[in-house]
Amino acid sequence: MPVVEISDLIIRFDTATGARLPVRRDDVVSALRAAGDWRGARIAASLPHHDGVLDESAVERLLVRTHTELQRLNEELRIAEQLAELLGPLLAAVARGGC
C-alpha cells in the first residue's frame, strides 16, 4: 500500500499560478481509506469544513501546530544526532569493507 500523509492531502496549489485550491474533505478521507490509513481517515473526517471543503484557516493552524511539535520533538530527542552517532561507525566499517 502506498504511504499517504494527511499533510500532503489537505492543502493543494495550482502549479501554474501558485494559487491555493479548495480541497474536499471527502476526497482526503477517501484517499486515506484507500491507502489503509483508517486513523488518518478519522482525523481528516473531523477537520472543519464549509459545505465539504476544508476550512483553509483551520488547515493552516493544523499544519503550523504539527510542524511546531515536530520541531520541538527534534530538539528534545535529537534523533538525527543519535542516528549519526549510532550509524556512523557502522557506515565507516562498511566503507572500509569491514562488514
PDB file of N, CA and C in Angstrom:
ATOM      1  N   MET A   1       0.825  -1.188   0.000  1.00  0.00           N
ATOM      2  CA  MET A   1       0.000   0.000   0.000  1.00  0.00           C
ATOM      3  C   MET A   1       0.871   1.255   0.000  1.00  0.00           C
ATOM      4  N   PRO A   2       0.461   2.244  -0.740  1.00  0.00           N
ATOM      5  CA  PRO A   2       1.249   3.489  -0.751  1.00  0.00           C
ATOM      6  C   PRO A   2       1.136   4.222   0.586  1.00  0.00           C
ATOM      7  N   VAL A   3       2.213   4.886   0.966  1.00  0.00           N
ATOM      8  CA  VAL A   3       2.190   5.709   2.172  1.00  0.00           C
ATOM      9  C   VAL A   3       1.624   7.063   1.785  1.00  0.00           C
ATOM     10  N   VAL A   4       0.587   7.460   2.477  1.00  0.00           N
ATOM     11  CA  VAL A   4      -0.074   8.729   2.202  1.00  0.00           C
ATOM     12  C   VAL A   4      -0.076   9.530   3.497  1.00  0.00           C
ATOM     13  N   GLU A   5       0.328  10.783   3.419  1.00  0.00           N
ATOM     14  CA  GLU A   5       0.327  11.642   4.597  1.00  0.00           C
ATOM     15  C   GLU A   5      -0.815  12.640   4.509  1.00  0.00           C
ATOM     16  N   ILE A   6      -1.459  12.844   5.645  1.00  0.00           N
ATOM     17  CA  ILE A   6      -2.568  13.794   5.699  1.00  0.00           C
ATOM     18  C   ILE A   6      -2.119  15.161   5.189  1.00  0.00           C
ATOM     19  N   SER A   7      -0.939  15.591   5.626  1.00  0.00           N
ATOM     20  CA  SER A   7      -0.475  16.935   5.252  1.00  0.00           C
ATOM     21  C   SER A   7      -0.300  17.090   3.747  1.00  0.00           C
ATOM     22  N   ASP A   8      -0.041  16.001   3.040  1.00  0.00           N
ATOM     23  CA  ASP A   8       0.086  16.078   1.580  1.00  0.00           C
ATOM     24  C   ASP A   8      -1.276  16.195   0.896  1.00  0.00           C
ATOM     25  N   LEU A   9      -2.315  15.830   1.614  1.00  0.00           N
ATOM     26  CA  LEU A   9      -3.648  15.803   1.014  1.00  0.00           C
ATOM     27  C   LEU A   9      -4.515  17.006   1.357  1.00  0.00           C
ATOM     28  N   ILE A  10      -4.246  17.663   2.485  1.00  0.00           N
ATOM     29  CA  ILE A  10      -5.177  18.688   2.962  1.00  0.00           C
ATOM     30  C   ILE A  10      -4.899  20.084   2.404  1.00  0.00           C
ATOM     31  N   ILE A  11      -3.838  20.205   1.641  1.00  0.00           N
ATOM     32  CA  ILE A  11      -3.540  21.509   1.036  1.00  0.00           C
ATOM     33  C   ILE A  11      -3.071  21.271  -0.399  1.00  0.00           C
ATOM     34  N   ARG A  12      -3.588  22.093  -1.315  1.00  0.00           N
ATOM     35  CA  ARG A  12      -3.221  21.962  -2.731  1.00  0.00           C
ATOM     36  C   ARG A  12      -3.046  23.341  -3.331  1.00  0.00           C
ATOM     37  N   PHE A  13      -2.160  23.396  -4.318  1.00  0.00           N
ATOM     38  CA  PHE A  13      -1.898  24.652  -5.020  1.00  0.00           C
ATOM     39  C   PHE A  13      -1.946  24.406  -6.519  1.00  0.00           C
ATOM     40  N   ASP A  14      -2.346  25.413  -7.246  1.00  0.00           N
ATOM     41  CA  ASP A  14      -2.288  25.386  -8.702  1.00  0.00           C
ATOM     42  C   ASP A  14      -0.822  25.515  -9.085  1.00  0.00           C
ATOM     43  N   THR A  15      -0.292  24.554  -9.825  1.00  0.00           N
ATOM     44  CA  THR A  15       1.131  24.565 -10.158  1.00  0.00           C
ATOM     45  C   THR A  15       1.513  25.718 -11.084  1.00  0.00           C
ATOM     46  N   ALA A  16       0.573  26.209 -11.863  1.00  0.00           N
ATOM     47  CA  ALA A  16       0.883  27.305 -12.790  1.00  0.00           C
ATOM     48  C   ALA A  16       0.866  28.665 -12.095  1.00  0.00           C
ATOM     49  N   THR A  17      -0.078  28.853 -11.178  1.00  0.00           N
ATOM     50  CA  THR A  17      -0.245  30.178 -10.580  1.00  0.00           C
ATOM     51  C   THR A  17       0.188  30.244  -9.117  1.00  0.00           C
ATOM     52  N   GLY A  18       0.272  29.095  -8.473  1.00  0.00           N
ATOM     53  CA  GLY A  18       0.589  29.077  -7.042  1.00  0.00           C
ATOM     54  C   GLY A  18      -0.614  29.367  -6.168  1.00  0.00           C
ATOM     55  N   ALA A  19      -1.771  29.559  -6.791  1.00  0.00           N
ATOM     56  CA  ALA A  19      -2.985  29.859  -6.040  1.00  0.00           C
ATOM     57  C   ALA A  19      -3.436  28.634  -5.245  1.00  0.00           C
ATOM     58  N   ARG A  20      -3.942  28.906  -4.078  1.00  0.00           N
ATOM     59  CA  ARG A  20      -4.469  27.840  -3.217  1.00  0.00           C
ATOM     60  C   ARG A  20      -5.744  27.288  -3.845  1.00  0.00           C
ATOM     61  N   LEU A  21      -5.877  25.962  -3.857  1.00  0.00           N
ATOM     62  CA  LEU A  21      -7.058  25.317  -4.413  1.00  0.00           C
ATOM     63  C   LEU A  21      -7.906  24.744  -3.287  1.00  0.00           C
ATOM     64  N   PRO A  22      -9.215  24.715  -3.464  1.00  0.00           N
ATOM     65  CA  PRO A  22     -10.071  24.104  -2.446  1.00  0.00           C
ATOM     66  C   PRO A  22      -9.832  22.595  -2.394  1.00  0.00           C
ATOM     67  N   VAL A  23      -9.939  22.039  -1.191  1.00  0.00           N
ATOM     68  CA  VAL A  23      -9.753  20.606  -1.001  1.00  0.00           C
ATOM     69  C   VAL A  23     -11.012  20.048  -0.343  1.00  0.00           C
ATOM     70  N   ARG A  24     -11.608  19.068  -0.981  1.00  0.00           N
ATOM     71  CA  ARG A  24     -12.819  18.453  -0.431  1.00  0.00           C
ATOM     72  C   ARG A  24     -12.437  17.434   0.639  1.00  0.00           C
ATOM     73  N   ARG A  25     -13.063  17.580   1.791  1.00  0.00           N
ATOM     74  CA  ARG A  25     -12.772  16.694   2.914  1.00  0.00           C
ATOM     75  C   ARG A  25     -13.008  15.232   2.550  1.00  0.00           C
ATOM     76  N   ASP A  26     -14.089  14.935   1.848  1.00  0.00           N
ATOM     77  CA  ASP A  26     -14.378  13.548   1.486  1.00  0.00           C
ATOM     78  C   ASP A  26     -13.314  12.953   0.580  1.00  0.00           C
ATOM     79  N   ASP A  27     -12.686  13.776  -0.263  1.00  0.00           N
ATOM     80  CA  ASP A  27     -11.602  13.289  -1.129  1.00  0.00           C
ATOM     81  C   ASP A  27     -10.396  12.874  -0.283  1.00  0.00           C
ATOM     82  N   VAL A  28     -10.101  13.661   0.747  1.00  0.00           N
ATOM     83  CA  VAL A  28      -8.987  13.343   1.642  1.00  0.00           C
ATOM     84  C   VAL A  28      -9.280  12.054   2.394  1.00  0.00           C
ATOM     85  N   VAL A  29     -10.478  11.948   2.944  1.00  0.00           N
ATOM     86  CA  VAL A  29     -10.874  10.752   3.692  1.00  0.00           C
ATOM     87  C   VAL A  29     -10.804   9.524   2.787  1.00  0.00           C
ATOM     88  N   SER A  30     -11.305   9.633   1.572  1.00  0.00           N
ATOM     89  CA  SER A  30     -11.281   8.502   0.629  1.00  0.00           C
ATOM     90  C   SER A  30      -9.859   8.075   0.295  1.00  0.00           C
ATOM     91  N   ALA A  31      -8.977   9.035   0.066  1.00  0.00           N
ATOM     92  CA  ALA A  31      -7.582   8.705  -0.268  1.00  0.00           C
ATOM     93  C   ALA A  31      -6.907   7.992   0.900  1.00  0.00           C
ATOM     94  N   LEU A  32      -7.172   8.442   2.110  1.00  0.00           N
ATOM     95  CA  LEU A  32      -6.566   7.802   3.280  1.00  0.00           C
ATOM     96  C   LEU A  32      -7.124   6.395   3.486  1.00  0.00           C
ATOM     97  N   ARG A  33      -8.413   6.244   3.312  1.00  0.00           N
ATOM     98  CA  ARG A  33      -9.008   4.897   3.426  1.00  0.00           C
ATOM     99  C   ARG A  33      -8.445   3.966   2.365  1.00  0.00           C
ATOM    100  N   ALA A  34      -8.305   4.467   1.139  1.00  0.00           N
ATOM    101  CA  ALA A  34      -7.765   3.645   0.045  1.00  0.00           C
ATOM    102  C   ALA A  34      -6.348   3.192   0.345  1.00  0.00           C
ATOM    103  N   ALA A  35      -5.612   4.014   1.105  1.00  0.00           N
ATOM    104  CA  ALA A  35      -4.235   3.666   1.480  1.00  0.00           C
ATOM    105  C   ALA A  35      -4.200   2.799   2.743  1.00  0.00           C
ATOM    106  N   GLY A  36      -5.379   2.509   3.312  1.00  0.00           N
ATOM    107  CA  GLY A  36      -5.432   1.685   4.515  1.00  0.00           C
ATOM    108  C   GLY A  36      -5.155   2.452   5.798  1.00  0.00           C
ATOM    109  N   ASP A  37      -5.169   3.773   5.722  1.00  0.00           N
ATOM    110  CA  ASP A  37      -4.896   4.600   6.900  1.00  0.00           C
ATOM    111  C   ASP A  37      -6.220   5.012   7.543  1.00  0.00           C
ATOM    112  N   TRP A  38      -6.770   4.108   8.321  1.00  0.00           N
ATOM    113  CA  TRP A  38      -8.077   4.343   8.940  1.00  0.00           C
ATOM    114  C   TRP A  38      -8.004   5.433   9.998  1.00  0.00           C
ATOM    115  N   ARG A  39      -6.922   5.472  10.756  1.00  0.00           N
ATOM    116  CA  ARG A  39      -6.768   6.515  11.778  1.00  0.00           C
ATOM    117  C   ARG A  39      -6.676   7.889  11.109  1.00  0.00           C
ATOM    118  N   GLY A  40      -5.871   7.983  10.060  1.00  0.00           N
ATOM    119  CA  GLY A  40      -5.766   9.229   9.318  1.00  0.00           C
ATOM    120  C   GLY A  40      -7.102   9.651   8.725  1.00  0.00           C
ATOM    121  N   ALA A  41      -7.874   8.684   8.250  1.00  0.00           N
ATOM    122  CA  ALA A  41      -9.193   8.985   7.691  1.00  0.00           C
ATOM    123  C   ALA A  41     -10.114   9.561   8.763  1.00  0.00           C
ATOM    124  N   ARG A  42     -10.037   9.015   9.978  1.00  0.00           N
ATOM    125  CA  ARG A  42     -10.856   9.546  11.077  1.00  0.00           C
ATOM    126  C   ARG A  42     -10.433  10.975  11.427  1.00  0.00           C
ATOM    127  N   ILE A  43      -9.118  11.222  11.434  1.00  0.00           N
ATOM    128  CA  ILE A  43      -8.628  12.575  11.718  1.00  0.00           C
ATOM    129  C   ILE A  43      -9.120  13.537  10.647  1.00  0.00           C
ATOM    130  N   ALA A  44      -8.972  13.161   9.388  1.00  0.00           N
ATOM    131  CA  ALA A  44      -9.398  14.031   8.284  1.00  0.00           C
ATOM    132  C   ALA A  44     -10.903  14.275   8.327  1.00  0.00           C
ATOM    133  N   ALA A  45     -11.664  13.263   8.692  1.00  0.00           N
ATOM    134  CA  ALA A  45     -13.122  13.415   8.753  1.00  0.00           C
ATOM    135  C   ALA A  45     -13.538  14.419   9.824  1.00  0.00           C
ATOM    136  N   SER A  46     -12.672  14.629  10.812  1.00  0.00           N
ATOM    137  CA  SER A  46     -13.016  15.557  11.894  1.00  0.00           C
ATOM    138  C   SER A  46     -12.573  16.999  11.612  1.00  0.00           C
ATOM    139  N   LEU A  47     -11.886  17.227  10.501  1.00  0.00           N
ATOM    140  CA  LEU A  47     -11.405  18.577  10.192  1.00  0.00           C
ATOM    141  C   LEU A  47     -12.569  19.509   9.853  1.00  0.00           C
ATOM    142  N   PRO A  48     -12.472  20.758  10.305  1.00  0.00           N
ATOM    143  CA  PRO A  48     -13.527  21.728   9.990  1.00  0.00           C
ATOM    144  C   PRO A  48     -13.648  21.954   8.483  1.00  0.00           C
ATOM    145  N   HIS A  49     -14.882  22.163   8.049  1.00  0.00           N
ATOM    146  CA  HIS A  49     -15.128  22.376   6.621  1.00  0.00           C
ATOM    147  C   HIS A  49     -16.327  23.289   6.434  1.00  0.00           C
ATOM    148  N   HIS A  50     -16.453  23.784   5.218  1.00  0.00           N
ATOM    149  CA  HIS A  50     -17.604  24.585   4.812  1.00  0.00           C
ATOM    150  C   HIS A  50     -18.176  23.916   3.574  1.00  0.00           C
ATOM    151  N   ASP A  51     -19.350  23.358   3.707  1.00  0.00           N
ATOM    152  CA  ASP A  51     -20.008  22.657   2.599  1.00  0.00           C
ATOM    153  C   ASP A  51     -19.100  21.594   1.986  1.00  0.00           C
ATOM    154  N   GLY A  52     -18.330  20.901   2.837  1.00  0.00           N
ATOM    155  CA  GLY A  52     -17.484  19.804   2.376  1.00  0.00           C
ATOM    156  C   GLY A  52     -16.086  20.204   1.962  1.00  0.00           C
ATOM    157  N   VAL A  53     -15.800  21.501   1.877  1.00  0.00           N
ATOM    158  CA  VAL A  53     -14.463  21.991   1.518  1.00  0.00           C
ATOM    159  C   VAL A  53     -13.733  22.348   2.804  1.00  0.00           C
ATOM    160  N   LEU A  54     -12.516  21.834   2.958  1.00  0.00           N
ATOM    161  CA  LEU A  54     -11.761  22.080   4.177  1.00  0.00           C
ATOM    162  C   LEU A  54     -11.587  23.566   4.445  1.00  0.00           C
ATOM    163  N   ASP A  55     -11.704  23.930   5.706  1.00  0.00           N
ATOM    164  CA  ASP A  55     -11.515  25.312   6.137  1.00  0.00           C
ATOM    165  C   ASP A  55     -10.031  25.652   6.049  1.00  0.00           C
ATOM    166  N   GLU A  56      -9.672  26.595   5.183  1.00  0.00           N
ATOM    167  CA  GLU A  56      -8.259  26.929   4.948  1.00  0.00           C
ATOM    168  C   GLU A  56      -7.555  27.407   6.213  1.00  0.00           C
ATOM    169  N   SER A  57      -8.225  28.210   7.011  1.00  0.00           N
ATOM    170  CA  SER A  57      -7.605  28.715   8.241  1.00  0.00           C
ATOM    171  C   SER A  57      -7.338  27.584   9.221  1.00  0.00           C
ATOM    172  N   ALA A  58      -8.274  26.663   9.330  1.00  0.00           N
ATOM    173  CA  ALA A  58      -8.093  25.519  10.232  1.00  0.00           C
ATOM    174  C   ALA A  58      -6.952  24.637   9.751  1.00  0.00           C
ATOM    175  N   VAL A  59      -6.845  24.457   8.434  1.00  0.00           N
ATOM    176  CA  VAL A  59      -5.754  23.662   7.867  1.00  0.00           C
ATOM    177  C   VAL A  59      -4.413  24.327   8.160  1.00  0.00           C
ATOM    178  N   GLU A  60      -4.353  25.650   7.964  1.00  0.00           N
ATOM    179  CA  GLU A  60      -3.111  26.386   8.249  1.00  0.00           C
ATOM    180  C   GLU A  60      -2.704  26.223   9.705  1.00  0.00           C
ATOM    181  N   ARG A  61      -3.663  26.376  10.627  1.00  0.00           N
ATOM    182  CA  ARG A  61      -3.353  26.233  12.055  1.00  0.00           C
ATOM    183  C   ARG A  61      -2.868  24.826  12.367  1.00  0.00           C
ATOM    184  N   LEU A  62      -3.508  23.823  11.773  1.00  0.00           N
ATOM    185  CA  LEU A  62      -3.106  22.443  11.997  1.00  0.00           C
ATOM    186  C   LEU A  62      -1.687  22.195  11.502  1.00  0.00           C
ATOM    187  N   LEU A  63      -1.363  22.688  10.314  1.00  0.00           N
ATOM    188  CA  LEU A  63      -0.022  22.476   9.759  1.00  0.00           C
ATOM    189  C   LEU A  63       1.045  23.176  10.600  1.00  0.00           C
ATOM    190  N   VAL A  64       0.752  24.378  11.073  1.00  0.00           N
ATOM    191  CA  VAL A  64       1.711  25.096  11.912  1.00  0.00           C
ATOM    192  C   VAL A  64       1.893  24.367  13.241  1.00  0.00           C
ATOM    193  N   ARG A  65       0.792  23.925  13.871  1.00  0.00           N
ATOM    194  CA  ARG A  65       0.894  23.176  15.140  1.00  0.00           C
ATOM    195  C   ARG A  65       1.707  21.898  14.958  1.00  0.00           C
ATOM    196  N   THR A  66       1.447  21.183  13.867  1.00  0.00           N
ATOM    197  CA  THR A  66       2.150  19.930  13.598  1.00  0.00           C
ATOM    198  C   THR A  66       3.632  20.182  13.382  1.00  0.00           C
ATOM    199  N   HIS A  67       3.953  21.171  12.578  1.00  0.00           N
ATOM    200  CA  HIS A  67       5.354  21.496  12.314  1.00  0.00           C
ATOM    201  C   HIS A  67       6.065  21.919  13.604  1.00  0.00           C
ATOM    202  N   THR A  68       5.395  22.731  14.392  1.00  0.00           N
ATOM    203  CA  THR A  68       5.978  23.191  15.657  1.00  0.00           C
ATOM    204  C   THR A  68       6.249  22.017  16.587  1.00  0.00           C
ATOM    205  N   GLU A  69       5.325  21.088  16.661  1.00  0.00           N
ATOM    206  CA  GLU A  69       5.517  19.923  17.528  1.00  0.00           C
ATOM    207  C   GLU A  69       6.660  19.040  17.013  1.00  0.00           C
ATOM    208  N   LEU A  70       6.751  18.872  15.711  1.00  0.00           N
ATOM    209  CA  LEU A  70       7.862  18.088  15.159  1.00  0.00           C
ATOM    210  C   LEU A  70       9.203  18.751  15.454  1.00  0.00           C
ATOM    211  N   GLN A  71       9.258  20.072  15.331  1.00  0.00           N
ATOM    212  CA  GLN A  71      10.483  20.807  15.665  1.00  0.00           C
ATOM    213  C   GLN A  71      10.838  20.625  17.139  1.00  0.00           C
ATOM    214  N   ARG A  72       9.825  20.722  18.014  1.00  0.00           N
ATOM    215  CA  ARG A  72      10.065  20.552  19.443  1.00  0.00           C
ATOM    216  C   ARG A  72      10.595  19.154  19.751  1.00  0.00           C
ATOM    217  N   LEU A  73       9.989  18.152  19.145  1.00  0.00           N
ATOM    218  CA  LEU A  73      10.445  16.777  19.367  1.00  0.00           C
ATOM    219  C   LEU A  73      11.866  16.576  18.853  1.00  0.00           C
ATOM    220  N   ASN A  74      12.170  17.172  17.704  1.00  0.00           N
ATOM    221  CA  ASN A  74      13.516  17.064  17.165  1.00  0.00           C
ATOM    222  C   ASN A  74      14.533  17.679  18.123  1.00  0.00           C
ATOM    223  N   GLU A  75      14.210  18.834  18.661  1.00  0.00           N
ATOM    224  CA  GLU A  75      15.120  19.495  19.598  1.00  0.00           C
ATOM    225  C   GLU A  75      15.262  18.711  20.891  1.00  0.00           C
ATOM    226  N   GLU A  76      14.165  18.123  21.354  1.00  0.00           N
ATOM    227  CA  GLU A  76      14.195  17.375  22.607  1.00  0.00           C
ATOM    228  C   GLU A  76      14.896  16.029  22.459  1.00  0.00           C
ATOM    229  N   LEU A  77      14.593  15.314  21.403  1.00  0.00           N
ATOM    230  CA  LEU A  77      15.090  13.946  21.256  1.00  0.00           C
ATOM    231  C   LEU A  77      16.403  13.849  20.487  1.00  0.00           C
ATOM    232  N   ARG A  78      16.717  14.850  19.683  1.00  0.00           N
ATOM    233  CA  ARG A  78      17.958  14.855  18.898  1.00  0.00           C
ATOM    234  C   ARG A  78      18.124  13.546  18.105  1.00  0.00           C
ATOM    235  N   ILE A  79      17.069  13.177  17.414  1.00  0.00           N
ATOM    236  CA  ILE A  79      17.053  11.898  16.698  1.00  0.00           C
ATOM    237  C   ILE A  79      18.124  11.845  15.613  1.00  0.00           C
ATOM    238  N   ALA A  80      18.286  12.919  14.858  1.00  0.00           N
ATOM    239  CA  ALA A  80      19.288  12.913  13.788  1.00  0.00           C
ATOM    240  C   ALA A  80      20.683  12.697  14.352  1.00  0.00           C
ATOM    241  N   GLU A  81      21.001  13.394  15.452  1.00  0.00           N
ATOM    242  CA  GLU A  81      22.321  13.234  16.061  1.00  0.00           C
ATOM    243  C   GLU A  81      22.518  11.823  16.599  1.00  0.00           C
ATOM    244  N   GLN A  82      21.457  11.262  17.194  1.00  0.00           N
ATOM    245  CA  GLN A  82      21.551   9.907  17.726  1.00  0.00           C
ATOM    246  C   GLN A  82      21.750   8.887  16.612  1.00  0.00           C
ATOM    247  N   LEU A  83      21.046   9.076  15.509  1.00  0.00           N
ATOM    248  CA  LEU A  83      21.228   8.161  14.372  1.00  0.00           C
ATOM    249  C   LEU A  83      22.635   8.265  13.803  1.00  0.00           C
ATOM    250  N   ALA A  84      23.143   9.481  13.677  1.00  0.00           N
ATOM    251  CA  ALA A  84      24.500   9.664  13.165  1.00  0.00           C
ATOM    252  C   ALA A  84      25.512   8.988  14.086  1.00  0.00           C
ATOM    253  N   GLU A  85      25.324   9.138  15.385  1.00  0.00           N
ATOM    254  CA  GLU A  85      26.228   8.520  16.355  1.00  0.00           C
ATOM    255  C   GLU A  85      26.160   7.000  16.295  1.00  0.00           C
ATOM    256  N   LEU A  86      24.962   6.480  16.098  1.00  0.00           N
ATOM    257  CA  LEU A  86      24.765   5.034  16.044  1.00  0.00           C
ATOM    258  C   LEU A  86      25.245   4.439  14.718  1.00  0.00           C
ATOM    259  N   LEU A  87      24.883   5.093  13.617  1.00  0.00           N
ATOM    260  CA  LEU A  87      25.170   4.526  12.301  1.00  0.00           C
ATOM    261  C   LEU A  87      26.531   4.924  11.745  1.00  0.00           C
ATOM    262  N   GLY A  88      27.115   6.010  12.239  1.00  0.00           N
ATOM    263  CA  GLY A  88      28.399   6.472  11.727  1.00  0.00           C
ATOM    264  C   GLY A  88      29.470   5.398  11.725  1.00  0.00           C
ATOM    265  N   PRO A  89      29.737   4.752  12.863  1.00  0.00           N
ATOM    266  CA  PRO A  89      30.756   3.699  12.886  1.00  0.00           C
ATOM    267  C   PRO A  89      30.414   2.515  11.973  1.00  0.00           C
ATOM    268  N   LEU A  90      29.139   2.170  11.904  1.00  0.00           N
ATOM    269  CA  LEU A  90      28.730   1.059  11.040  1.00  0.00           C
ATOM    270  C   LEU A  90      28.975   1.397   9.572  1.00  0.00           C
ATOM    271  N   LEU A  91      28.586   2.594   9.174  1.00  0.00           N
ATOM    272  CA  LEU A  91      28.793   3.002   7.780  1.00  0.00           C
ATOM    273  C   LEU A  91      30.280   3.129   7.449  1.00  0.00           C
ATOM    274  N   ALA A  92      31.063   3.595   8.410  1.00  0.00           N
ATOM    275  CA  ALA A  92      32.511   3.682   8.188  1.00  0.00           C
ATOM    276  C   ALA A  92      33.107   2.297   7.989  1.00  0.00           C
ATOM    277  N   ALA A  93      32.640   1.318   8.768  1.00  0.00           N
ATOM    278  CA  ALA A  93      33.131  -0.055   8.625  1.00  0.00           C
ATOM    279  C   ALA A  93      32.752  -0.633   7.284  1.00  0.00           C
ATOM    280  N   VAL A  94      31.538  -0.368   6.838  1.00  0.00           N
ATOM    281  CA  VAL A  94      31.085  -0.848   5.526  1.00  0.00           C
ATOM    282  C   VAL A  94      31.925  -0.215   4.425  1.00  0.00           C
ATOM    283  N   ALA A  95      32.207   1.075   4.549  1.00  0.00           N
ATOM    284  CA  ALA A  95      33.022   1.763   3.537  1.00  0.00           C
ATOM    285  C   ALA A  95      34.436   1.185   3.467  1.00  0.00           C
ATOM    286  N   ARG A  96      34.955   0.739   4.610  1.00  0.00           N
ATOM    287  CA  ARG A  96      36.296   0.138   4.641  1.00  0.00           C
ATOM    288  C   ARG A  96      36.268  -1.311   4.185  1.00  0.00           C
ATOM    289  N   GLY A  97      35.045  -1.855   3.977  1.00  0.00           N
ATOM    290  CA  GLY A  97      34.927  -3.261   3.582  1.00  0.00           C
ATOM    291  C   GLY A  97      35.013  -4.190   4.763  1.00  0.00           C
ATOM    292  N   GLY A  98      34.715  -3.683   5.941  1.00  0.00           N
ATOM    293  CA  GLY A  98      34.829  -4.479   7.164  1.00  0.00           C
ATOM    294  C   GLY A  98      33.616  -5.298   7.497  1.00  0.00           C
ATOM    295  N   CYS A  99      32.537  -5.211   6.743  1.00  0.00           N
ATOM    296  CA  CYS A  99      31.337  -5.984   7.063  1.00  0.00           C
ATOM    297  C   CYS A  99      31.034  -6.985   5.971  1.00  0.00           C
TER     298      CYS A  99
END
